[in-house]
Amino acid sequence: MKKTIFVAILMIFTLGSITSFAVNTDQKSVSENPAIPIKTDNKLTTEEVSRLKNRVEEIRSTDKSGMSVTEKSELRKESREIKKNVRKSGSVVYIGGSTLLIIILLILLL
């Protein structure tokens, strides 16, 4: 019994020391990769948003029956990227259903 406890404790200390040896102590990598990312403003102007919306409408209105599969997939990718950029530039806050329920309950209780 004592032998198995000794072996278990020995394994715990051995496995713990492996992770301490794996730590990278190179100071250059720490200074090059800051922990806090720098925020950049990705706001689109109204002119750019309207131009992107017109491009999405143009993609929707094109006749895709004569296109190949790769052309169709490129159009889909382009429209997804445009929609992602437009959504990213807007300042919209999404609230989940359970979060909304909790907020309503807190308002009612308080």
N, C-alpha and C. Protein backbone atom coordinates (compact mmCIF):
# COMPACT_ATOMS: atom_id res chain seq x y z
N MET A 1 0.82 -1.19 0.00
CA MET A 1 0.00 0.00 0.00
C MET A 1 0.87 1.26 0.00
N LYS A 2 1.89 1.26 0.86
CA LYS A 2 2.77 2.41 0.94
C LYS A 2 3.55 2.59 -0.36
N LYS A 3 3.85 1.47 -1.00
CA LYS A 3 4.62 1.53 -2.23
C LYS A 3 3.80 2.18 -3.35
N THR A 4 2.51 1.86 -3.45
CA THR A 4 1.67 2.44 -4.50
C THR A 4 1.47 3.93 -4.27
N ILE A 5 1.33 4.36 -3.01
CA ILE A 5 1.19 5.78 -2.71
C ILE A 5 2.47 6.51 -3.08
N PHE A 6 3.62 5.89 -2.74
CA PHE A 6 4.91 6.49 -3.07
C PHE A 6 5.07 6.64 -4.58
N VAL A 7 4.68 5.59 -5.35
CA VAL A 7 4.78 5.64 -6.81
C VAL A 7 3.84 6.71 -7.37
N ALA A 8 2.63 6.83 -6.81
CA ALA A 8 1.68 7.83 -7.30
C ALA A 8 2.20 9.24 -7.06
N ILE A 9 2.74 9.51 -5.89
CA ILE A 9 3.28 10.83 -5.58
C ILE A 9 4.49 11.12 -6.46
N LEU A 10 5.33 10.11 -6.67
CA LEU A 10 6.50 10.28 -7.54
C LEU A 10 6.08 10.62 -8.96
N MET A 11 5.02 9.98 -9.47
CA MET A 11 4.52 10.27 -10.82
C MET A 11 3.96 11.69 -10.91
N ILE A 12 3.27 12.14 -9.87
CA ILE A 12 2.71 13.48 -9.89
C ILE A 12 3.82 14.52 -9.97
N PHE A 13 4.85 14.36 -9.15
CA PHE A 13 5.96 15.31 -9.19
C PHE A 13 6.73 15.23 -10.50
N THR A 14 6.87 14.04 -11.06
CA THR A 14 7.59 13.89 -12.31
C THR A 14 6.83 14.56 -13.46
N LEU A 15 5.53 14.33 -13.53
CA LEU A 15 4.74 14.94 -14.60
C LEU A 15 4.65 16.45 -14.42
N GLY A 16 4.66 16.93 -13.22
CA GLY A 16 4.64 18.37 -12.97
C GLY A 16 5.92 19.04 -13.40
N SER A 17 7.03 18.36 -13.28
CA SER A 17 8.31 18.97 -13.66
C SER A 17 8.48 19.04 -15.16
N ILE A 18 7.80 18.18 -15.91
CA ILE A 18 7.89 18.21 -17.38
C ILE A 18 7.33 19.52 -17.91
N THR A 19 6.21 19.97 -17.35
CA THR A 19 5.62 21.21 -17.83
C THR A 19 6.46 22.42 -17.47
N SER A 20 7.17 22.36 -16.35
CA SER A 20 8.01 23.51 -15.99
C SER A 20 9.23 23.60 -16.90
N PHE A 21 9.70 22.49 -17.42
CA PHE A 21 10.82 22.53 -18.35
C PHE A 21 10.37 22.99 -19.73
N ALA A 22 9.09 22.91 -20.03
CA ALA A 22 8.59 23.28 -21.35
C ALA A 22 8.35 24.78 -21.49
N VAL A 23 8.50 25.55 -20.44
CA VAL A 23 8.27 26.99 -20.49
C VAL A 23 9.35 27.65 -21.33
N ASN A 24 8.92 28.51 -22.24
CA ASN A 24 9.85 29.23 -23.10
C ASN A 24 10.24 30.53 -22.39
N THR A 25 11.52 30.70 -22.12
CA THR A 25 11.98 31.89 -21.40
C THR A 25 12.61 32.91 -22.34
N ASP A 26 12.36 32.81 -23.62
CA ASP A 26 12.91 33.75 -24.58
C ASP A 26 12.19 35.08 -24.44
N GLN A 27 12.91 36.13 -24.06
CA GLN A 27 12.31 37.43 -23.79
C GLN A 27 11.87 38.14 -25.07
N LYS A 28 12.47 37.82 -26.20
CA LYS A 28 12.08 38.47 -27.45
C LYS A 28 10.66 38.09 -27.84
N SER A 29 10.28 36.82 -27.66
CA SER A 29 8.94 36.41 -28.05
C SER A 29 7.88 37.05 -27.17
N VAL A 30 8.21 37.33 -25.91
CA VAL A 30 7.25 37.98 -25.02
C VAL A 30 7.04 39.43 -25.44
N SER A 31 8.10 40.14 -25.81
CA SER A 31 7.96 41.54 -26.17
C SER A 31 7.34 41.72 -27.56
N GLU A 32 7.53 40.77 -28.46
CA GLU A 32 6.97 40.88 -29.80
C GLU A 32 5.48 40.59 -29.83
N ASN A 33 4.99 39.75 -28.93
CA ASN A 33 3.58 39.39 -28.89
C ASN A 33 2.96 39.98 -27.63
N PRO A 34 2.42 41.18 -27.71
CA PRO A 34 1.83 41.77 -26.51
C PRO A 34 0.56 41.02 -26.11
N ALA A 35 0.27 41.02 -24.84
CA ALA A 35 -0.90 40.33 -24.34
C ALA A 35 -2.18 41.08 -24.68
N ILE A 36 -2.09 42.40 -24.77
CA ILE A 36 -3.27 43.21 -25.08
C ILE A 36 -3.22 43.59 -26.55
N PRO A 37 -4.18 43.11 -27.35
CA PRO A 37 -4.16 43.47 -28.77
C PRO A 37 -4.52 44.94 -28.97
N ILE A 38 -3.97 45.51 -30.00
CA ILE A 38 -4.22 46.90 -30.32
C ILE A 38 -5.50 46.98 -31.15
N LYS A 39 -6.43 47.80 -30.70
CA LYS A 39 -7.68 47.94 -31.42
C LYS A 39 -7.50 48.90 -32.58
N THR A 40 -8.05 48.51 -33.71
CA THR A 40 -8.03 49.39 -34.86
C THR A 40 -9.47 49.67 -35.27
N ASP A 41 -9.72 50.86 -35.73
CA ASP A 41 -11.07 51.22 -36.15
C ASP A 41 -11.30 50.72 -37.57
N ASN A 42 -12.32 49.90 -37.73
CA ASN A 42 -12.67 49.36 -39.03
C ASN A 42 -14.01 49.93 -39.48
N LYS A 43 -14.23 51.19 -39.21
CA LYS A 43 -15.49 51.82 -39.58
C LYS A 43 -15.50 52.12 -41.07
N LEU A 44 -16.60 51.75 -41.70
CA LEU A 44 -16.79 52.04 -43.11
C LEU A 44 -17.62 53.30 -43.23
N THR A 45 -17.34 54.08 -44.24
CA THR A 45 -18.15 55.27 -44.48
C THR A 45 -19.47 54.85 -45.11
N THR A 46 -20.42 55.75 -45.12
CA THR A 46 -21.73 55.43 -45.69
C THR A 46 -21.62 55.17 -47.19
N GLU A 47 -20.68 55.84 -47.83
CA GLU A 47 -20.47 55.62 -49.27
C GLU A 47 -19.96 54.20 -49.53
N GLU A 48 -19.01 53.75 -48.71
CA GLU A 48 -18.48 52.39 -48.88
C GLU A 48 -19.55 51.35 -48.59
N VAL A 49 -20.38 51.57 -47.56
CA VAL A 49 -21.44 50.64 -47.22
C VAL A 49 -22.45 50.55 -48.35
N SER A 50 -22.82 51.69 -48.92
CA SER A 50 -23.80 51.67 -50.01
C SER A 50 -23.21 50.99 -51.25
N ARG A 51 -21.90 51.21 -51.50
CA ARG A 51 -21.26 50.55 -52.64
C ARG A 51 -21.23 49.03 -52.44
N LEU A 52 -20.95 48.58 -51.20
CA LEU A 52 -20.94 47.14 -50.92
C LEU A 52 -22.34 46.55 -51.01
N LYS A 53 -23.35 47.30 -50.55
CA LYS A 53 -24.73 46.81 -50.65
C LYS A 53 -25.15 46.69 -52.11
N ASN A 54 -24.75 47.66 -52.93
CA ASN A 54 -25.06 47.58 -54.37
C ASN A 54 -24.40 46.37 -55.00
N ARG A 55 -23.19 46.06 -54.57
CA ARG A 55 -22.49 44.87 -55.11
C ARG A 55 -23.21 43.60 -54.70
N VAL A 56 -23.72 43.53 -53.46
CA VAL A 56 -24.47 42.36 -53.02
C VAL A 56 -25.75 42.21 -53.83
N GLU A 57 -26.44 43.31 -54.07
CA GLU A 57 -27.65 43.27 -54.88
C GLU A 57 -27.33 42.85 -56.32
N GLU A 58 -26.21 43.29 -56.84
CA GLU A 58 -25.78 42.90 -58.18
C GLU A 58 -25.49 41.40 -58.23
N ILE A 59 -24.87 40.88 -57.21
CA ILE A 59 -24.59 39.43 -57.16
C ILE A 59 -25.88 38.65 -57.09
N ARG A 60 -26.85 39.14 -56.30
CA ARG A 60 -28.14 38.43 -56.18
C ARG A 60 -28.91 38.44 -57.50
N SER A 61 -28.81 39.52 -58.24
CA SER A 61 -29.62 39.66 -59.45
C SER A 61 -29.00 38.99 -60.68
N THR A 62 -27.76 38.55 -60.59
CA THR A 62 -27.13 37.92 -61.76
C THR A 62 -27.73 36.56 -62.04
N ASP A 63 -27.71 36.17 -63.31
CA ASP A 63 -28.20 34.86 -63.72
C ASP A 63 -27.10 33.84 -63.49
N LYS A 64 -27.34 32.94 -62.56
CA LYS A 64 -26.31 31.97 -62.19
C LYS A 64 -26.47 30.62 -62.88
N SER A 65 -27.44 30.51 -63.77
CA SER A 65 -27.69 29.22 -64.41
C SER A 65 -26.58 28.85 -65.39
N GLY A 66 -25.93 29.82 -65.99
CA GLY A 66 -24.87 29.53 -66.95
C GLY A 66 -23.48 29.49 -66.33
N MET A 67 -23.38 29.68 -65.04
CA MET A 67 -22.08 29.72 -64.38
C MET A 67 -21.64 28.33 -63.95
N SER A 68 -20.33 28.18 -63.83
CA SER A 68 -19.80 26.91 -63.33
C SER A 68 -19.87 26.92 -61.80
N VAL A 69 -19.57 25.78 -61.22
CA VAL A 69 -19.65 25.63 -59.77
C VAL A 69 -18.63 26.53 -59.09
N THR A 70 -17.44 26.64 -59.66
CA THR A 70 -16.40 27.46 -59.03
C THR A 70 -16.77 28.94 -59.06
N GLU A 71 -17.38 29.39 -60.16
CA GLU A 71 -17.81 30.79 -60.24
C GLU A 71 -18.90 31.08 -59.22
N LYS A 72 -19.83 30.14 -59.06
CA LYS A 72 -20.89 30.32 -58.07
C LYS A 72 -20.31 30.37 -56.66
N SER A 73 -19.35 29.50 -56.36
CA SER A 73 -18.76 29.50 -55.02
C SER A 73 -17.96 30.77 -54.76
N GLU A 74 -17.30 31.31 -55.81
CA GLU A 74 -16.57 32.57 -55.65
C GLU A 74 -17.54 33.72 -55.35
N LEU A 75 -18.68 33.74 -56.01
CA LEU A 75 -19.68 34.77 -55.74
C LEU A 75 -20.22 34.65 -54.32
N ARG A 76 -20.47 33.40 -53.86
CA ARG A 76 -20.94 33.19 -52.49
C ARG A 76 -19.91 33.67 -51.48
N LYS A 77 -18.64 33.34 -51.73
CA LYS A 77 -17.58 33.77 -50.81
C LYS A 77 -17.48 35.29 -50.77
N GLU A 78 -17.59 35.91 -51.95
CA GLU A 78 -17.50 37.36 -52.02
C GLU A 78 -18.65 38.02 -51.25
N SER A 79 -19.86 37.48 -51.43
CA SER A 79 -21.00 38.08 -50.74
C SER A 79 -20.89 37.86 -49.23
N ARG A 80 -20.38 36.73 -48.79
CA ARG A 80 -20.19 36.49 -47.36
C ARG A 80 -19.17 37.46 -46.77
N GLU A 81 -18.08 37.69 -47.50
CA GLU A 81 -17.06 38.62 -47.02
C GLU A 81 -17.60 40.05 -46.93
N ILE A 82 -18.40 40.44 -47.92
CA ILE A 82 -18.99 41.77 -47.90
C ILE A 82 -19.92 41.91 -46.70
N LYS A 83 -20.77 40.91 -46.47
CA LYS A 83 -21.70 40.96 -45.35
C LYS A 83 -20.94 40.98 -44.02
N LYS A 84 -19.86 40.21 -43.92
CA LYS A 84 -19.06 40.18 -42.70
C LYS A 84 -18.43 41.54 -42.43
N ASN A 85 -17.92 42.20 -43.48
CA ASN A 85 -17.31 43.52 -43.31
C ASN A 85 -18.33 44.56 -42.89
N VAL A 86 -19.52 44.50 -43.48
CA VAL A 86 -20.55 45.48 -43.14
C VAL A 86 -21.01 45.27 -41.71
N ARG A 87 -21.19 44.02 -41.30
CA ARG A 87 -21.62 43.74 -39.92
C ARG A 87 -20.55 44.14 -38.92
N LYS A 88 -19.28 43.92 -39.28
CA LYS A 88 -18.18 44.25 -38.38
C LYS A 88 -18.08 45.76 -38.18
N SER A 89 -18.37 46.53 -39.21
CA SER A 89 -18.23 47.97 -39.10
C SER A 89 -19.35 48.59 -38.28
N GLY A 90 -20.49 47.93 -38.19
CA GLY A 90 -21.60 48.47 -37.41
C GLY A 90 -21.39 48.21 -35.93
N SER A 91 -22.06 49.01 -35.11
CA SER A 91 -21.95 48.83 -33.67
C SER A 91 -23.26 48.25 -33.16
N VAL A 92 -23.41 46.95 -33.28
CA VAL A 92 -24.62 46.27 -32.89
C VAL A 92 -24.28 45.33 -31.74
N VAL A 93 -25.13 45.32 -30.72
CA VAL A 93 -24.94 44.43 -29.59
C VAL A 93 -25.99 43.34 -29.67
N TYR A 94 -25.56 42.09 -29.67
CA TYR A 94 -26.46 40.96 -29.72
C TYR A 94 -26.67 40.43 -28.31
N ILE A 95 -27.92 40.22 -27.93
CA ILE A 95 -28.25 39.68 -26.63
C ILE A 95 -28.97 38.36 -26.85
N GLY A 96 -28.47 37.31 -26.20
CA GLY A 96 -29.07 36.00 -26.32
C GLY A 96 -30.40 35.93 -25.58
N GLY A 97 -31.15 34.88 -25.87
CA GLY A 97 -32.47 34.72 -25.26
C GLY A 97 -32.42 34.54 -23.76
N SER A 98 -31.51 33.70 -23.29
CA SER A 98 -31.43 33.48 -21.84
C SER A 98 -30.94 34.72 -21.12
N THR A 99 -30.02 35.46 -21.74
CA THR A 99 -29.54 36.70 -21.15
C THR A 99 -30.66 37.72 -21.06
N LEU A 100 -31.47 37.80 -22.10
CA LEU A 100 -32.61 38.72 -22.10
C LEU A 100 -33.60 38.34 -21.01
N LEU A 101 -33.84 37.05 -20.82
CA LEU A 101 -34.74 36.58 -19.78
C LEU A 101 -34.22 36.93 -18.39
N ILE A 102 -32.93 36.76 -18.17
CA ILE A 102 -32.32 37.10 -16.88
C ILE A 102 -32.41 38.60 -16.63
N ILE A 103 -32.18 39.41 -17.65
CA ILE A 103 -32.27 40.86 -17.50
C ILE A 103 -33.69 41.28 -17.14
N ILE A 104 -34.67 40.69 -17.80
CA ILE A 104 -36.08 41.02 -17.52
C ILE A 104 -36.44 40.61 -16.10
N LEU A 105 -35.99 39.42 -15.68
CA LEU A 105 -36.27 38.98 -14.30
C LEU A 105 -35.61 39.89 -13.27
N LEU A 106 -34.40 40.33 -13.53
CA LEU A 106 -33.74 41.24 -12.60
C LEU A 106 -34.45 42.58 -12.52
N ILE A 107 -34.94 43.07 -13.64
CA ILE A 107 -35.67 44.33 -13.63
C ILE A 107 -36.96 44.19 -12.86
N LEU A 108 -37.66 43.05 -13.03
CA LEU A 108 -38.91 42.85 -12.33
C LEU A 108 -38.68 42.67 -10.82
N LEU A 109 -37.64 41.98 -10.44
CA LEU A 109 -37.38 41.72 -9.04
C LEU A 109 -36.85 42.94 -8.31
N LEU A 110 -36.08 43.76 -8.99
CA LEU A 110 -35.50 44.93 -8.34
C LEU A 110 -36.39 46.11 -8.59
